[in-house]
N, C-alpha and C. Protein backbone atom coordinates (compact mmCIF):
# COMPACT_ATOMS: atom_id res chain seq x y z
N MET A 1 0.81 -1.19 0.00
CA MET A 1 0.00 0.00 0.00
C MET A 1 0.86 1.25 0.00
N GLU A 2 1.98 1.25 0.67
CA GLU A 2 2.81 2.43 0.84
C GLU A 2 3.15 3.10 -0.50
N GLN A 3 3.41 2.32 -1.56
CA GLN A 3 3.80 2.92 -2.82
C GLN A 3 2.67 3.67 -3.51
N ARG A 4 1.40 3.41 -3.13
CA ARG A 4 0.28 4.11 -3.73
C ARG A 4 -0.06 5.39 -2.98
N VAL A 5 0.60 5.66 -1.89
CA VAL A 5 0.32 6.85 -1.10
C VAL A 5 0.85 8.08 -1.81
N GLN A 6 0.04 9.12 -1.85
CA GLN A 6 0.46 10.37 -2.47
C GLN A 6 0.67 11.41 -1.38
N SER A 7 1.66 12.26 -1.56
CA SER A 7 1.84 13.34 -0.60
C SER A 7 1.13 14.58 -1.11
N GLY A 8 0.93 15.53 -0.23
CA GLY A 8 0.33 16.79 -0.63
C GLY A 8 -1.08 16.95 -0.12
N SER A 9 -1.70 18.01 -0.55
CA SER A 9 -3.02 18.39 -0.08
C SER A 9 -4.11 17.74 -0.93
N ILE A 10 -5.29 17.59 -0.36
CA ILE A 10 -6.41 17.13 -1.16
C ILE A 10 -7.30 18.31 -1.57
N PHE A 11 -6.86 19.52 -1.23
CA PHE A 11 -7.52 20.70 -1.78
C PHE A 11 -6.91 20.96 -3.14
N PRO A 12 -7.67 21.16 -4.20
CA PRO A 12 -7.08 21.33 -5.52
C PRO A 12 -6.25 22.55 -5.72
N LYS A 13 -6.02 23.52 -5.61
CA LYS A 13 -5.26 24.69 -5.93
C LYS A 13 -4.54 25.23 -4.71
N SER A 14 -4.28 24.44 -3.73
CA SER A 14 -3.66 24.94 -2.51
C SER A 14 -2.51 24.04 -2.08
N VAL A 15 -1.66 24.61 -1.31
CA VAL A 15 -0.58 23.82 -0.73
C VAL A 15 -0.72 23.89 0.77
N GLY A 16 -0.91 22.76 1.38
CA GLY A 16 -1.07 22.69 2.83
C GLY A 16 0.18 22.15 3.47
N PRO A 17 0.13 21.84 4.75
CA PRO A 17 1.29 21.25 5.41
C PRO A 17 1.57 19.87 4.82
N PRO A 18 2.81 19.40 4.92
CA PRO A 18 3.12 18.07 4.37
C PRO A 18 2.18 17.02 4.97
N ALA A 19 1.63 16.18 4.09
CA ALA A 19 0.67 15.18 4.54
C ALA A 19 0.70 13.98 3.60
N LEU A 20 0.35 12.84 4.15
CA LEU A 20 0.15 11.65 3.33
C LEU A 20 -1.32 11.59 2.97
N ASN A 21 -1.62 11.53 1.69
CA ASN A 21 -3.00 11.43 1.24
C ASN A 21 -3.36 9.95 1.14
N LEU A 22 -4.08 9.46 2.14
CA LEU A 22 -4.48 8.06 2.20
C LEU A 22 -5.94 7.84 1.83
N VAL A 23 -6.60 8.88 1.38
CA VAL A 23 -8.05 8.84 1.16
C VAL A 23 -8.47 7.65 0.30
N ASP A 24 -7.79 7.42 -0.78
CA ASP A 24 -8.23 6.39 -1.72
C ASP A 24 -7.60 5.03 -1.48
N VAL A 25 -6.80 4.89 -0.41
CA VAL A 25 -6.15 3.60 -0.17
C VAL A 25 -6.52 2.96 1.17
N LEU A 26 -7.20 3.68 2.03
CA LEU A 26 -7.61 3.10 3.32
C LEU A 26 -8.76 2.11 3.11
N PRO A 27 -8.90 1.16 4.04
CA PRO A 27 -10.02 0.22 3.93
C PRO A 27 -11.36 0.95 4.04
N ASN A 28 -12.35 0.42 3.34
CA ASN A 28 -13.72 0.93 3.39
C ASN A 28 -14.67 -0.26 3.55
N HIS A 29 -15.85 0.03 4.04
CA HIS A 29 -16.90 -0.99 4.17
C HIS A 29 -17.24 -1.51 2.76
N PRO A 30 -17.53 -2.80 2.63
CA PRO A 30 -17.81 -3.35 1.30
C PRO A 30 -19.08 -2.80 0.65
N THR A 31 -20.05 -2.33 1.43
CA THR A 31 -21.30 -1.86 0.82
C THR A 31 -21.71 -0.44 1.24
N LYS A 32 -21.23 0.04 2.36
CA LYS A 32 -21.65 1.35 2.85
C LYS A 32 -20.72 2.45 2.35
N THR A 33 -21.29 3.64 2.16
CA THR A 33 -20.48 4.81 1.79
C THR A 33 -20.95 6.02 2.59
N TYR A 34 -20.03 6.94 2.81
CA TYR A 34 -20.37 8.19 3.47
C TYR A 34 -21.06 9.12 2.48
N GLY A 35 -21.83 10.06 3.02
CA GLY A 35 -22.46 11.09 2.21
C GLY A 35 -21.47 12.18 1.84
N ARG A 36 -21.94 13.14 1.06
CA ARG A 36 -21.11 14.26 0.62
C ARG A 36 -21.72 15.58 1.08
N ARG A 37 -20.90 16.62 1.08
CA ARG A 37 -21.33 17.96 1.45
C ARG A 37 -20.50 18.97 0.67
N GLN A 38 -20.92 20.20 0.72
CA GLN A 38 -20.14 21.30 0.18
C GLN A 38 -19.17 21.77 1.27
N LEU A 39 -18.03 22.31 0.90
CA LEU A 39 -17.09 22.81 1.90
C LEU A 39 -17.75 23.87 2.78
N GLY A 40 -18.68 24.64 2.21
CA GLY A 40 -19.38 25.66 2.98
C GLY A 40 -20.25 25.12 4.10
N ASP A 41 -20.55 23.82 4.07
CA ASP A 41 -21.34 23.20 5.13
C ASP A 41 -20.53 22.99 6.40
N ILE A 42 -19.20 23.01 6.29
CA ILE A 42 -18.32 22.77 7.44
C ILE A 42 -18.33 24.00 8.33
N GLU A 43 -18.66 23.82 9.59
CA GLU A 43 -18.65 24.92 10.56
C GLU A 43 -17.56 24.75 11.61
N TYR A 44 -17.17 23.51 11.88
CA TYR A 44 -16.25 23.24 12.98
C TYR A 44 -15.10 22.33 12.56
N LEU A 45 -13.92 22.67 13.04
CA LEU A 45 -12.74 21.82 12.95
C LEU A 45 -12.63 21.18 14.33
N VAL A 46 -12.92 19.90 14.42
CA VAL A 46 -13.09 19.23 15.70
C VAL A 46 -11.87 18.37 16.02
N ILE A 47 -11.28 18.61 17.18
CA ILE A 47 -10.10 17.87 17.61
C ILE A 47 -10.53 16.68 18.47
N HIS A 48 -9.95 15.51 18.14
CA HIS A 48 -10.22 14.24 18.82
C HIS A 48 -8.89 13.60 19.23
N HIS A 49 -8.97 12.54 20.02
CA HIS A 49 -7.83 11.64 20.25
C HIS A 49 -8.31 10.22 20.00
N THR A 50 -7.37 9.31 19.68
CA THR A 50 -7.79 7.93 19.43
C THR A 50 -8.24 7.26 20.71
N GLY A 51 -7.78 7.73 21.85
CA GLY A 51 -8.15 7.13 23.12
C GLY A 51 -7.30 5.93 23.49
N VAL A 52 -6.43 5.51 22.58
CA VAL A 52 -5.50 4.41 22.82
C VAL A 52 -4.18 4.74 22.16
N ASP A 53 -3.10 4.19 22.71
CA ASP A 53 -1.81 4.30 22.04
C ASP A 53 -1.72 3.18 21.02
N MET A 54 -1.18 3.49 19.88
CA MET A 54 -1.14 2.52 18.79
C MET A 54 0.32 2.25 18.41
N THR A 55 0.54 1.15 17.72
CA THR A 55 1.88 0.83 17.26
C THR A 55 1.86 0.68 15.75
N GLY A 56 3.01 0.88 15.15
CA GLY A 56 3.14 0.73 13.71
C GLY A 56 3.52 2.03 13.06
N THR A 57 3.65 1.99 11.75
CA THR A 57 3.96 3.18 10.97
C THR A 57 2.74 4.09 10.96
N PRO A 58 2.91 5.35 10.58
CA PRO A 58 1.73 6.22 10.48
C PRO A 58 0.64 5.65 9.56
N VAL A 59 1.04 5.05 8.45
CA VAL A 59 0.05 4.46 7.54
C VAL A 59 -0.68 3.30 8.23
N GLU A 60 0.05 2.47 8.97
CA GLU A 60 -0.58 1.36 9.69
C GLU A 60 -1.53 1.86 10.76
N ILE A 61 -1.20 2.97 11.38
CA ILE A 61 -2.08 3.55 12.40
C ILE A 61 -3.39 4.01 11.74
N ALA A 62 -3.29 4.71 10.62
CA ALA A 62 -4.50 5.15 9.92
C ALA A 62 -5.33 3.95 9.46
N GLU A 63 -4.66 2.93 8.95
CA GLU A 63 -5.37 1.70 8.55
C GLU A 63 -6.07 1.07 9.74
N GLY A 64 -5.41 1.05 10.89
CA GLY A 64 -5.99 0.47 12.09
C GLY A 64 -7.22 1.22 12.56
N VAL A 65 -7.17 2.54 12.51
CA VAL A 65 -8.33 3.35 12.89
C VAL A 65 -9.49 3.08 11.93
N ALA A 66 -9.20 3.07 10.63
CA ALA A 66 -10.25 2.82 9.64
C ALA A 66 -10.84 1.43 9.85
N ARG A 67 -10.00 0.43 10.02
CA ARG A 67 -10.48 -0.95 10.21
C ARG A 67 -11.32 -1.05 11.49
N TYR A 68 -10.89 -0.38 12.54
CA TYR A 68 -11.65 -0.38 13.80
C TYR A 68 -13.05 0.22 13.59
N HIS A 69 -13.12 1.35 12.90
CA HIS A 69 -14.41 2.00 12.66
C HIS A 69 -15.33 1.12 11.81
N ILE A 70 -14.76 0.42 10.84
CA ILE A 70 -15.55 -0.46 9.98
C ILE A 70 -16.00 -1.70 10.74
N ASP A 71 -15.05 -2.37 11.39
CA ASP A 71 -15.34 -3.66 12.03
C ASP A 71 -16.12 -3.53 13.33
N THR A 72 -15.85 -2.49 14.11
CA THR A 72 -16.49 -2.34 15.41
C THR A 72 -17.81 -1.59 15.34
N TYR A 73 -17.85 -0.52 14.54
CA TYR A 73 -19.04 0.32 14.49
C TYR A 73 -19.87 0.12 13.22
N ASN A 74 -19.34 -0.65 12.26
CA ASN A 74 -20.02 -0.88 10.99
C ASN A 74 -20.18 0.41 10.20
N TRP A 75 -19.19 1.30 10.32
CA TRP A 75 -19.19 2.56 9.58
C TRP A 75 -18.68 2.33 8.16
N PRO A 76 -18.90 3.28 7.27
CA PRO A 76 -18.39 3.15 5.90
C PRO A 76 -16.87 3.18 5.77
N GLY A 77 -16.19 3.79 6.70
CA GLY A 77 -14.73 3.90 6.66
C GLY A 77 -14.22 4.65 7.87
N CYS A 78 -13.05 5.21 7.76
CA CYS A 78 -12.46 6.00 8.84
C CYS A 78 -13.40 7.16 9.17
N GLY A 79 -13.59 7.42 10.45
CA GLY A 79 -14.48 8.48 10.87
C GLY A 79 -13.86 9.88 10.85
N TYR A 80 -12.56 9.96 10.68
CA TYR A 80 -11.86 11.25 10.73
C TYR A 80 -11.45 11.70 9.33
N HIS A 81 -11.20 12.98 9.19
CA HIS A 81 -10.70 13.52 7.94
C HIS A 81 -9.17 13.57 7.92
N ALA A 82 -8.58 13.62 9.10
CA ALA A 82 -7.12 13.61 9.21
C ALA A 82 -6.74 12.96 10.54
N ILE A 83 -5.62 12.28 10.53
CA ILE A 83 -5.06 11.69 11.73
C ILE A 83 -3.62 12.16 11.84
N ILE A 84 -3.21 12.54 13.05
CA ILE A 84 -1.83 12.98 13.29
C ILE A 84 -1.17 11.96 14.21
N ALA A 85 -0.12 11.30 13.70
CA ALA A 85 0.61 10.30 14.47
C ALA A 85 1.50 10.99 15.50
N LYS A 86 2.01 10.21 16.45
CA LYS A 86 2.85 10.77 17.52
C LYS A 86 4.08 11.49 16.99
N GLY A 87 4.60 11.04 15.86
CA GLY A 87 5.77 11.68 15.27
C GLY A 87 5.45 12.97 14.53
N GLY A 88 4.17 13.34 14.46
CA GLY A 88 3.76 14.57 13.79
C GLY A 88 3.35 14.37 12.34
N GLU A 89 3.35 13.13 11.86
CA GLU A 89 2.93 12.88 10.48
C GLU A 89 1.42 13.09 10.36
N ILE A 90 1.03 13.86 9.36
CA ILE A 90 -0.38 14.12 9.09
C ILE A 90 -0.83 13.18 7.98
N MET A 91 -1.91 12.47 8.23
CA MET A 91 -2.48 11.58 7.23
C MET A 91 -3.89 12.03 6.91
N LEU A 92 -4.14 12.35 5.66
CA LEU A 92 -5.47 12.73 5.22
C LEU A 92 -6.25 11.44 4.96
N THR A 93 -7.39 11.28 5.62
CA THR A 93 -8.10 10.00 5.61
C THR A 93 -9.49 10.07 4.99
N ASN A 94 -9.98 11.24 4.71
CA ASN A 94 -11.24 11.45 4.00
C ASN A 94 -11.17 12.77 3.27
N TYR A 95 -11.87 12.87 2.16
CA TYR A 95 -12.01 14.17 1.51
C TYR A 95 -12.78 15.08 2.46
N PHE A 96 -12.50 16.35 2.44
CA PHE A 96 -13.17 17.27 3.34
C PHE A 96 -14.64 17.43 2.99
N THR A 97 -15.00 17.05 1.79
CA THR A 97 -16.41 17.09 1.37
C THR A 97 -17.16 15.82 1.79
N THR A 98 -16.48 14.90 2.46
CA THR A 98 -17.11 13.67 2.95
C THR A 98 -17.73 13.92 4.32
N VAL A 99 -18.96 13.47 4.49
CA VAL A 99 -19.64 13.55 5.79
C VAL A 99 -19.30 12.26 6.54
N SER A 100 -18.15 12.24 7.18
CA SER A 100 -17.75 11.04 7.94
C SER A 100 -18.33 11.14 9.34
N TYR A 101 -18.21 10.05 10.09
CA TYR A 101 -18.80 9.98 11.42
C TYR A 101 -17.75 10.30 12.47
N ASN A 102 -17.81 11.49 13.07
CA ASN A 102 -16.88 11.80 14.15
C ASN A 102 -17.51 12.59 15.28
N VAL A 103 -18.68 13.15 15.10
CA VAL A 103 -19.43 13.80 16.18
C VAL A 103 -20.90 13.42 15.98
N ALA A 104 -21.38 12.48 16.75
CA ALA A 104 -22.74 11.95 16.58
C ALA A 104 -23.77 13.07 16.51
N GLY A 105 -24.60 13.01 15.48
CA GLY A 105 -25.67 13.99 15.31
C GLY A 105 -25.22 15.30 14.69
N ARG A 106 -23.91 15.48 14.46
CA ARG A 106 -23.42 16.76 13.95
C ARG A 106 -22.39 16.58 12.84
N ASN A 107 -22.38 15.44 12.21
CA ASN A 107 -21.32 15.12 11.26
C ASN A 107 -21.27 16.03 10.04
N LYS A 108 -22.39 16.49 9.55
CA LYS A 108 -22.38 17.31 8.33
C LYS A 108 -21.61 18.61 8.54
N GLU A 109 -21.61 19.13 9.75
CA GLU A 109 -20.97 20.42 10.01
C GLU A 109 -19.55 20.29 10.58
N CYS A 110 -19.08 19.06 10.77
CA CYS A 110 -17.79 18.84 11.45
C CYS A 110 -16.74 18.20 10.55
N LEU A 111 -15.54 18.73 10.62
CA LEU A 111 -14.37 18.14 9.99
C LEU A 111 -13.50 17.61 11.13
N GLY A 112 -13.31 16.30 11.19
CA GLY A 112 -12.66 15.67 12.33
C GLY A 112 -11.16 15.48 12.15
N ILE A 113 -10.40 15.94 13.13
CA ILE A 113 -8.95 15.78 13.17
C ILE A 113 -8.61 15.01 14.43
N CYS A 114 -7.97 13.87 14.27
CA CYS A 114 -7.70 13.00 15.40
C CYS A 114 -6.19 12.87 15.63
N LEU A 115 -5.79 13.01 16.88
CA LEU A 115 -4.40 12.78 17.25
C LEU A 115 -4.28 11.41 17.89
N GLU A 116 -3.26 10.67 17.48
CA GLU A 116 -3.01 9.36 18.05
C GLU A 116 -2.63 9.49 19.51
N GLY A 117 -3.24 8.69 20.37
CA GLY A 117 -2.88 8.66 21.78
C GLY A 117 -4.07 8.79 22.68
N ASN A 118 -3.82 8.55 23.95
CA ASN A 118 -4.84 8.66 24.99
C ASN A 118 -4.46 9.82 25.90
N PHE A 119 -5.11 10.95 25.73
CA PHE A 119 -4.74 12.15 26.47
C PHE A 119 -5.45 12.26 27.81
N THR A 120 -5.94 11.13 28.31
CA THR A 120 -6.34 11.05 29.70
C THR A 120 -5.20 10.48 30.54
N THR A 121 -4.20 9.90 29.87
CA THR A 121 -3.04 9.33 30.57
C THR A 121 -1.74 10.05 30.27
N HIS A 122 -1.65 10.74 29.15
CA HIS A 122 -0.44 11.50 28.82
C HIS A 122 -0.80 12.59 27.81
N SER A 123 0.09 13.54 27.67
CA SER A 123 -0.12 14.66 26.76
C SER A 123 0.30 14.30 25.34
N PRO A 124 -0.23 15.03 24.35
CA PRO A 124 0.25 14.82 22.98
C PRO A 124 1.72 15.20 22.88
N THR A 125 2.39 14.68 21.88
CA THR A 125 3.80 15.03 21.68
C THR A 125 3.92 16.43 21.10
N GLY A 126 5.08 17.01 21.27
CA GLY A 126 5.35 18.32 20.68
C GLY A 126 5.20 18.28 19.16
N SER A 127 5.64 17.18 18.55
CA SER A 127 5.51 17.03 17.09
C SER A 127 4.04 17.02 16.67
N GLN A 128 3.21 16.36 17.44
CA GLN A 128 1.77 16.34 17.13
C GLN A 128 1.18 17.74 17.23
N LEU A 129 1.54 18.46 18.27
CA LEU A 129 0.97 19.80 18.46
C LEU A 129 1.43 20.76 17.37
N MET A 130 2.69 20.64 16.94
CA MET A 130 3.17 21.48 15.84
C MET A 130 2.43 21.15 14.55
N ALA A 131 2.23 19.87 14.27
CA ALA A 131 1.52 19.45 13.07
C ALA A 131 0.05 19.90 13.13
N LEU A 132 -0.57 19.75 14.30
CA LEU A 132 -1.95 20.19 14.47
C LEU A 132 -2.07 21.69 14.22
N ASP A 133 -1.14 22.46 14.77
CA ASP A 133 -1.16 23.91 14.57
C ASP A 133 -1.04 24.25 13.08
N ALA A 134 -0.13 23.58 12.38
CA ALA A 134 0.05 23.83 10.94
C ALA A 134 -1.21 23.46 10.17
N LEU A 135 -1.81 22.31 10.50
CA LEU A 135 -3.01 21.88 9.80
C LEU A 135 -4.18 22.82 10.07
N LEU A 136 -4.37 23.21 11.32
CA LEU A 136 -5.47 24.12 11.66
C LEU A 136 -5.27 25.49 11.00
N THR A 137 -4.04 25.98 10.99
CA THR A 137 -3.75 27.26 10.33
C THR A 137 -4.12 27.19 8.86
N TYR A 138 -3.70 26.12 8.21
CA TYR A 138 -4.02 25.91 6.79
C TYR A 138 -5.53 25.82 6.57
N LEU A 139 -6.21 25.01 7.38
CA LEU A 139 -7.64 24.83 7.19
C LEU A 139 -8.41 26.13 7.42
N GLN A 140 -7.97 26.93 8.39
CA GLN A 140 -8.68 28.19 8.62
C GLN A 140 -8.40 29.21 7.53
N GLN A 141 -7.29 29.06 6.81
CA GLN A 141 -7.07 29.91 5.63
C GLN A 141 -8.01 29.49 4.50
N GLU A 142 -8.20 28.18 4.36
CA GLU A 142 -9.05 27.65 3.30
C GLU A 142 -10.54 27.76 3.64
N LEU A 143 -10.86 27.63 4.93
CA LEU A 143 -12.25 27.63 5.41
C LEU A 143 -12.35 28.68 6.52
N PRO A 144 -12.21 29.98 6.19
CA PRO A 144 -12.07 31.01 7.23
C PRO A 144 -13.29 31.17 8.13
N TRP A 145 -14.41 30.66 7.77
CA TRP A 145 -15.62 30.78 8.59
C TRP A 145 -15.70 29.71 9.69
N THR A 146 -14.77 28.77 9.68
CA THR A 146 -14.86 27.67 10.65
C THR A 146 -14.32 28.05 12.01
N GLU A 147 -14.76 27.29 13.00
CA GLU A 147 -14.33 27.48 14.39
C GLU A 147 -13.62 26.21 14.86
N ILE A 148 -12.53 26.38 15.57
CA ILE A 148 -11.82 25.24 16.16
C ILE A 148 -12.51 24.88 17.46
N THR A 149 -12.79 23.59 17.63
CA THR A 149 -13.43 23.14 18.86
C THR A 149 -12.95 21.73 19.19
N PHE A 150 -13.46 21.18 20.26
CA PHE A 150 -13.05 19.86 20.75
C PHE A 150 -14.28 18.97 20.83
N HIS A 151 -14.07 17.68 20.61
CA HIS A 151 -15.19 16.74 20.59
C HIS A 151 -16.09 16.92 21.81
N LYS A 152 -15.50 16.99 23.00
CA LYS A 152 -16.32 17.08 24.21
C LYS A 152 -17.13 18.37 24.28
N GLU A 153 -16.67 19.42 23.62
CA GLU A 153 -17.38 20.70 23.66
C GLU A 153 -18.53 20.78 22.67
N ILE A 154 -18.48 19.96 21.64
CA ILE A 154 -19.51 20.04 20.59
C ILE A 154 -20.46 18.84 20.63
N ALA A 155 -20.13 17.84 21.43
CA ALA A 155 -20.96 16.64 21.51
C ALA A 155 -22.36 16.98 22.02
N LEU A 156 -23.35 16.34 21.45
CA LEU A 156 -24.72 16.52 21.93
C LEU A 156 -24.85 15.89 23.32
N PRO A 157 -25.75 16.40 24.16
CA PRO A 157 -25.88 15.90 25.54
C PRO A 157 -26.13 14.39 25.62
N GLU A 158 -26.80 13.83 24.63
CA GLU A 158 -27.06 12.39 24.67
C GLU A 158 -25.84 11.54 24.29
N TYR A 159 -24.75 12.19 23.85
CA TYR A 159 -23.51 11.48 23.50
C TYR A 159 -22.31 12.12 24.20
N PRO A 160 -22.30 12.19 25.53
CA PRO A 160 -21.20 12.86 26.23
C PRO A 160 -19.87 12.13 26.04
N THR A 161 -18.78 12.89 26.07
CA THR A 161 -17.45 12.33 25.90
C THR A 161 -16.44 13.22 26.62
N SER A 162 -15.30 12.67 26.95
CA SER A 162 -14.21 13.47 27.50
C SER A 162 -13.13 13.73 26.45
N CYS A 163 -13.35 13.30 25.23
CA CYS A 163 -12.41 13.43 24.12
C CYS A 163 -12.16 14.90 23.81
N PRO A 164 -10.92 15.32 23.68
CA PRO A 164 -9.67 14.58 23.57
C PRO A 164 -8.89 14.40 24.87
N GLY A 165 -9.55 14.27 25.98
CA GLY A 165 -8.87 13.95 27.24
C GLY A 165 -8.45 15.17 28.03
N ASN A 166 -8.28 15.00 29.33
CA ASN A 166 -7.97 16.12 30.23
C ASN A 166 -6.53 16.60 30.14
N LEU A 167 -5.63 15.85 29.48
CA LEU A 167 -4.23 16.28 29.35
C LEU A 167 -3.94 16.93 27.99
N PHE A 168 -4.96 17.15 27.19
CA PHE A 168 -4.78 17.91 25.96
C PHE A 168 -4.64 19.38 26.31
N PRO A 169 -3.69 20.10 25.71
CA PRO A 169 -3.50 21.53 26.07
C PRO A 169 -4.51 22.44 25.38
N TYR A 170 -5.73 22.44 25.89
CA TYR A 170 -6.83 23.18 25.28
C TYR A 170 -6.52 24.65 25.08
N GLU A 171 -5.86 25.26 26.05
CA GLU A 171 -5.59 26.69 25.98
C GLU A 171 -4.72 27.09 24.78
N SER A 172 -3.99 26.13 24.21
CA SER A 172 -3.12 26.41 23.06
C SER A 172 -3.91 26.51 21.76
N PHE A 173 -5.15 26.06 21.78
CA PHE A 173 -5.93 26.04 20.55
C PHE A 173 -7.26 26.71 20.73
């Protein structure tokens, strides 16, 4: 799979932070597909954590998240639009026009960015935070009407969560 990975942005006329574009190579459900939206439908850039520490290369981590979402939740594919590994590698996992599942009841308006790790037990790495800052800066240039928020802050009351954990440096974002 590694040789089919493309680097660069999935926005057509823009250059974003260095990223692996895994959108077309990650596992997907055999029959289900996510819906589509216009970029103007996105209101929130939502920060998540995987809730577990993972092992493997950044590509293997993204594959693992996608496989988990498909096998455990029966979703169409990876629920996030981007995943940031502990080393700071950014992996694009869905087109931004894809309505993936990352905030129950609010998916059409949310673009999900997930950092690998469990931030209830430890903080994100410096490399992750630098990559997140670069990605958020880029996204807010491309989607200037959006607001940065956290899963726990935007979750509907019937779906409470502590994501991205109490050790995430909220004040930095």
